Amino acid sequence: MEFTSLLPRGVFSKAIVWVFLIVVCLYCLFPFAWMFSTSLKTESEAFKIPPTWIPIDLTVDSYIGIWVRKNFGTYFFNSTVISLSTALLSTFFGALAGYGFSRFFFNGRRFLIGFFLATQMLPGVLLVGPYFRILSKVGLYDTRTGLVIAFLTICLPFSTWMMKGFIDKVPDELDQAAMVDGCSRMGIFFKIILPIVAPGMVATILFGFLLAWGDLLWALCLTSSEPMITVTLGIARTVGEFRIIWPMLMAGSLVGGMPAIILYIFLQRLLVQGLTAGAVKE
């Protein structure tokens, strides 16, 4: 009798899958573990060769430093206001535009849809120069409003494209039935369409939030004063011309990444529902 016949069917293949998943998880978690370990080290220990995996002189001075000396509280407030404003506004106006593209047929519709998609092929850095001049002229340079407007330019086409895809899956018969009952187009949009595509809106909001939260280039070019600095720009400023404070850089990176992780943990169910909406063709 062969040894494999003593095992239940599929046990060996499942073991291979589990081993592979564990290796992948360890591979993904290793950078975070190393960042956390480094953030608890002194500056001299962070440069020690060979490196130490577990800090010898355990300290939380780096975490205290980013909140006290680097003023991370202000950076967090700026990033939160800018990112939430960008995500909510781009999703709302994207849903309006997506509803229009999905339900109304007009001249130039296909061209506009293609144009919205084509804009995503161009790097956002192309707009930094023009936006710098425009915002400087209208007095919105180095303001949160200016950054929100700039981010909307990048997020709105993407949000429109996503929301159109979600709204396309809502049967048009619901609109017709509501109109027979006397509901207006805006009433249909707010009372019927938005509740149905809520998971898709969550996914779109999350993508817009993460895009604005993780940006460095726009914040670097469109802000200059300390009260307007965002989290990513504040982390970048821990890197000096001749010196890198590694424990503080790692601490700032971990703290700066926590909002994205927390949002995903609490919204992962709606995010998965939104991303898989329309995956099965009826």
Protein backbone atom coordinates (compact mmCIF):
# COMPACT_ATOMS: atom_id res chain seq x y z
CA MET A 1 0.00 0.00 0.00
CA GLU A 2 1.37 3.41 -0.95
CA PHE A 3 1.86 6.04 1.73
CA THR A 4 -0.17 8.62 -0.17
CA SER A 5 -3.22 6.35 -0.10
CA LEU A 6 -3.36 6.69 3.68
CA LEU A 7 -3.94 10.43 3.39
CA PRO A 8 -7.36 11.91 2.67
CA ARG A 9 -7.78 13.09 -0.89
CA GLY A 10 -6.56 16.66 -1.42
CA VAL A 11 -4.58 16.93 1.83
CA PHE A 12 -1.22 17.14 0.04
CA SER A 13 -2.40 19.79 -2.43
CA LYS A 14 -3.97 21.83 0.37
CA ALA A 15 -0.73 21.63 2.35
CA ILE A 16 1.19 22.97 -0.65
CA VAL A 17 -1.27 25.85 -0.99
CA TRP A 18 -1.03 26.70 2.71
CA VAL A 19 2.77 26.62 2.65
CA PHE A 20 2.77 28.91 -0.37
CA LEU A 21 0.33 31.34 1.28
CA ILE A 22 2.38 31.41 4.49
CA VAL A 23 5.57 32.17 2.53
CA VAL A 24 3.82 34.97 0.62
CA CYS A 25 2.41 36.46 3.86
CA LEU A 26 5.83 36.38 5.52
CA TYR A 27 7.36 37.98 2.45
CA CYS A 28 4.77 40.80 2.55
CA LEU A 29 4.95 41.31 6.32
CA PHE A 30 8.74 41.29 6.58
CA PRO A 31 9.21 44.96 5.53
CA PHE A 32 6.68 46.09 8.15
CA ALA A 33 8.37 44.01 10.84
CA TRP A 34 11.75 45.47 9.93
CA MET A 35 10.34 49.02 9.90
CA PHE A 36 8.78 48.50 13.32
CA SER A 37 12.02 47.06 14.71
CA THR A 38 14.08 49.93 13.31
CA SER A 39 11.64 52.53 14.65
CA LEU A 40 12.30 51.25 18.19
CA LYS A 41 16.09 51.50 17.88
CA THR A 42 18.42 54.35 18.72
CA GLU A 43 19.99 56.17 15.79
CA SER A 44 23.40 54.59 16.43
CA GLU A 45 21.93 51.07 16.63
CA ALA A 46 20.07 51.59 13.35
CA PHE A 47 23.45 51.93 11.59
CA LYS A 48 25.00 48.96 13.35
CA ILE A 49 26.66 46.29 11.18
CA PRO A 50 25.59 43.50 11.28
CA PRO A 51 22.06 44.77 11.95
CA THR A 52 20.15 43.66 15.02
CA TRP A 53 16.72 42.13 14.55
CA ILE A 54 15.52 42.89 18.06
CA PRO A 55 16.41 46.36 19.44
CA ILE A 56 18.98 46.23 22.23
CA ASP A 57 18.21 49.69 23.61
CA LEU A 58 14.43 49.76 23.20
CA THR A 59 13.13 53.33 22.84
CA VAL A 60 10.05 55.14 21.57
CA ASP A 61 11.85 58.45 21.08
CA SER A 62 11.23 58.27 17.32
CA TYR A 63 7.46 58.19 17.79
CA ILE A 64 7.62 61.03 20.29
CA GLY A 65 9.90 62.96 17.96
CA ILE A 66 7.61 62.85 14.93
CA TRP A 67 4.70 64.25 16.96
CA VAL A 68 6.70 66.84 18.90
CA ARG A 69 9.63 67.92 16.74
CA LYS A 70 8.10 67.12 13.34
CA ASN A 71 4.55 68.27 14.15
CA PHE A 72 2.88 65.19 12.69
CA GLY A 73 -0.44 66.21 14.19
CA THR A 74 -0.72 69.10 11.74
CA TYR A 75 0.47 66.90 8.88
CA PHE A 76 -2.20 64.31 9.71
CA PHE A 77 -4.92 66.95 9.86
CA ASN A 78 -3.93 68.36 6.46
CA SER A 79 -3.75 64.95 4.80
CA THR A 80 -7.06 63.86 6.33
CA VAL A 81 -8.94 66.98 5.20
CA ILE A 82 -7.42 66.92 1.71
CA SER A 83 -7.84 63.18 1.17
CA LEU A 84 -11.42 62.98 2.47
CA SER A 85 -12.47 66.04 0.48
CA THR A 86 -10.89 64.64 -2.68
CA ALA A 87 -12.41 61.17 -2.21
CA LEU A 88 -15.93 62.36 -1.39
CA LEU A 89 -16.12 65.08 -4.05
CA SER A 90 -14.60 62.95 -6.82
CA THR A 91 -16.93 60.05 -6.01
CA PHE A 92 -20.05 62.24 -5.84
CA PHE A 93 -19.38 64.13 -9.08
CA GLY A 94 -18.09 60.94 -10.66
CA ALA A 95 -21.37 59.22 -9.78
CA LEU A 96 -23.34 62.09 -11.34
CA ALA A 97 -21.25 61.97 -14.50
CA GLY A 98 -21.33 58.17 -14.55
CA TYR A 99 -25.12 58.21 -14.27
CA GLY A 100 -25.31 60.64 -17.17
CA PHE A 101 -23.02 58.52 -19.35
CA SER A 102 -24.90 55.34 -18.40
CA ARG A 103 -28.48 56.54 -18.88
CA PHE A 104 -28.34 59.31 -21.49
CA PHE A 105 -27.29 58.94 -25.13
CA PHE A 106 -26.14 62.16 -26.78
CA ASN A 107 -23.79 63.32 -29.50
CA GLY A 108 -20.17 62.96 -28.47
CA ARG A 109 -20.95 60.51 -25.66
CA ARG A 110 -18.56 57.82 -26.88
CA PHE A 111 -15.85 60.40 -27.49
CA LEU A 112 -16.18 61.80 -23.96
CA ILE A 113 -16.08 58.33 -22.42
CA GLY A 114 -12.94 57.53 -24.41
CA PHE A 115 -11.43 60.89 -23.48
CA PHE A 116 -12.00 60.23 -19.78
CA LEU A 117 -10.27 56.87 -20.15
CA ALA A 118 -7.41 58.32 -22.23
CA THR A 119 -6.59 60.87 -19.54
CA GLN A 120 -5.59 58.02 -17.24
CA MET A 121 -2.77 57.11 -19.63
CA LEU A 122 -1.01 60.43 -19.05
CA PRO A 123 1.25 60.96 -16.01
CA GLY A 124 -0.06 63.51 -13.54
CA VAL A 125 3.31 65.25 -13.46
CA LEU A 126 2.39 66.90 -16.77
CA LEU A 127 -0.17 69.05 -14.93
CA VAL A 128 2.06 70.16 -12.06
CA GLY A 129 3.51 73.15 -13.93
CA PRO A 130 0.18 74.50 -15.25
CA TYR A 131 -1.48 74.02 -11.87
CA PHE A 132 1.36 75.82 -10.13
CA ARG A 133 0.84 78.90 -12.34
CA ILE A 134 -2.96 78.78 -12.18
CA LEU A 135 -3.18 78.36 -8.41
CA SER A 136 -0.58 81.10 -7.90
CA LYS A 137 -2.63 83.48 -10.06
CA VAL A 138 -5.93 82.84 -8.26
CA GLY A 139 -4.43 82.88 -4.76
CA LEU A 140 -4.89 79.16 -4.02
CA TYR A 141 -1.23 78.19 -3.98
CA ASP A 142 -0.14 76.73 -0.63
CA THR A 143 -3.73 76.03 0.43
CA ARG A 144 -5.68 72.86 1.12
CA THR A 145 -8.32 73.96 -1.40
CA GLY A 146 -5.70 74.20 -4.13
CA LEU A 147 -4.48 70.67 -3.44
CA VAL A 148 -8.04 69.32 -3.44
CA ILE A 149 -8.70 70.94 -6.84
CA ALA A 150 -5.49 69.46 -8.22
CA PHE A 151 -6.29 65.98 -6.92
CA LEU A 152 -9.82 66.17 -8.33
CA THR A 153 -8.32 66.56 -11.79
CA ILE A 154 -6.65 63.18 -11.40
CA CYS A 155 -9.37 61.35 -9.45
CA LEU A 156 -12.51 62.55 -11.24
CA PRO A 157 -12.00 60.72 -14.57
CA PHE A 158 -11.16 57.50 -12.73
CA SER A 159 -14.15 57.89 -10.38
CA THR A 160 -16.45 58.61 -13.33
CA TRP A 161 -15.27 55.53 -15.17
CA MET A 162 -15.70 53.29 -12.12
CA MET A 163 -19.13 54.63 -11.19
CA LYS A 164 -20.37 54.31 -14.77
CA GLY A 165 -19.45 50.63 -14.68
CA PHE A 166 -21.36 50.11 -11.44
CA ILE A 167 -24.43 52.03 -12.64
CA ASP A 168 -24.48 50.12 -15.94
CA LYS A 169 -25.30 46.98 -13.94
CA VAL A 170 -28.44 48.57 -12.45
CA PRO A 171 -31.43 47.61 -14.65
CA ASP A 172 -32.90 50.55 -16.54
CA GLU A 173 -36.34 49.18 -15.74
CA LEU A 174 -35.96 50.51 -12.20
CA ASP A 175 -35.58 54.03 -13.58
CA GLN A 176 -38.63 53.61 -15.80
CA ALA A 177 -40.75 52.25 -12.95
CA ALA A 178 -39.74 55.15 -10.71
CA MET A 179 -40.54 57.68 -13.45
CA VAL A 180 -43.99 56.13 -13.87
CA ASP A 181 -44.52 56.76 -10.15
CA GLY A 182 -43.59 60.41 -10.69
CA CYS A 183 -39.99 60.35 -9.49
CA SER A 184 -37.61 62.84 -11.11
CA ARG A 185 -34.21 61.96 -12.55
CA MET A 186 -32.43 63.42 -9.52
CA GLY A 187 -34.81 61.56 -7.23
CA ILE A 188 -34.01 58.31 -9.04
CA PHE A 189 -30.31 59.03 -8.71
CA PHE A 190 -30.39 59.73 -4.97
CA LYS A 191 -33.12 57.32 -3.85
CA ILE A 192 -32.53 54.32 -6.12
CA ILE A 193 -29.16 54.36 -7.87
CA LEU A 194 -26.91 55.48 -5.01
CA PRO A 195 -28.20 52.93 -2.47
CA ILE A 196 -27.77 50.10 -4.98
CA VAL A 197 -24.22 51.06 -5.97
CA ALA A 198 -23.14 51.87 -2.39
CA PRO A 199 -20.44 49.14 -2.31
CA GLY A 200 -19.01 50.51 -5.55
CA MET A 201 -19.00 54.01 -4.07
CA VAL A 202 -17.05 52.74 -1.06
CA ALA A 203 -14.44 51.21 -3.36
CA THR A 204 -14.21 54.45 -5.36
CA ILE A 205 -13.94 56.57 -2.21
CA LEU A 206 -11.18 54.35 -0.87
CA PHE A 207 -9.19 54.57 -4.08
CA GLY A 208 -9.53 58.35 -4.16
CA PHE A 209 -8.55 58.63 -0.52
CA LEU A 210 -5.44 56.49 -0.96
CA LEU A 211 -4.39 58.38 -4.09
CA ALA A 212 -4.50 61.71 -2.29
CA TRP A 213 -3.08 60.35 0.98
CA GLY A 214 -0.04 58.78 -0.66
CA ASP A 215 0.84 61.70 -2.92
CA LEU A 216 4.18 63.44 -2.55
CA LEU A 217 4.80 65.27 -5.83
CA TRP A 218 1.75 67.54 -5.78
CA ALA A 219 2.16 68.42 -2.13
CA LEU A 220 5.84 69.18 -2.73
CA CYS A 221 5.13 71.48 -5.67
CA LEU A 222 1.91 73.17 -4.55
CA THR A 223 2.72 73.88 -0.89
CA SER A 224 5.57 75.71 0.77
CA SER A 225 4.66 76.66 4.35
CA GLU A 226 4.89 74.45 7.43
CA PRO A 227 1.13 74.59 8.31
CA MET A 228 0.21 73.14 4.89
CA ILE A 229 2.59 70.14 4.89
CA THR A 230 1.01 66.71 4.40
CA VAL A 231 2.05 63.38 5.94
CA THR A 232 4.07 62.16 2.96
CA LEU A 233 5.91 65.45 2.68
CA GLY A 234 6.58 65.43 6.41
CA ILE A 235 8.04 61.92 6.16
CA ALA A 236 10.22 62.99 3.24
CA ARG A 237 11.60 65.85 5.31
CA THR A 238 13.15 63.39 7.76
CA VAL A 239 15.68 62.72 4.99
CA GLY A 240 18.33 65.44 5.20
CA GLU A 241 21.02 66.40 2.71
CA PHE A 242 23.79 64.62 4.62
CA ARG A 243 21.85 62.57 7.15
CA ILE A 244 18.93 60.16 7.31
CA ILE A 245 17.33 59.59 10.69
CA TRP A 246 16.26 56.01 10.03
CA PRO A 247 14.32 55.34 13.26
CA MET A 248 12.26 58.51 12.78
CA LEU A 249 11.77 57.77 9.08
CA MET A 250 10.51 54.27 9.86
CA ALA A 251 8.25 55.54 12.65
CA GLY A 252 6.77 58.20 10.39
CA SER A 253 6.22 55.68 7.59
CA LEU A 254 4.40 53.26 9.91
CA VAL A 255 2.22 55.97 11.42
CA GLY A 256 1.51 57.44 7.99
CA GLY A 257 0.41 54.08 6.63
CA MET A 258 -1.95 53.25 9.49
CA PRO A 259 -5.03 55.11 8.12
CA ALA A 260 -4.94 53.09 4.90
CA ILE A 261 -4.61 49.82 6.82
CA ILE A 262 -7.40 50.72 9.24
CA LEU A 263 -9.73 51.78 6.43
CA TYR A 264 -9.15 48.52 4.60
CA ILE A 265 -9.77 46.44 7.72
CA PHE A 266 -13.14 48.07 8.39
CA LEU A 267 -14.25 48.45 4.76
CA GLN A 268 -12.84 45.30 3.18
CA ARG A 269 -16.26 43.63 2.87
CA LEU A 270 -17.75 46.60 1.01
CA LEU A 271 -14.53 47.01 -0.98
CA VAL A 272 -14.63 43.43 -2.22
CA GLN A 273 -18.33 43.77 -3.06
CA GLY A 274 -17.61 46.93 -5.01
CA LEU A 275 -14.66 45.51 -6.93
CA THR A 276 -16.53 42.32 -7.83
CA ALA A 277 -19.75 44.10 -8.83
CA GLY A 278 -20.44 43.26 -12.43
CA ALA A 279 -17.86 40.48 -12.53
CA VAL A 280 -20.56 38.00 -13.55
CA LYS A 281 -22.27 38.84 -16.80
CA GLU A 282 -25.99 38.26 -16.72
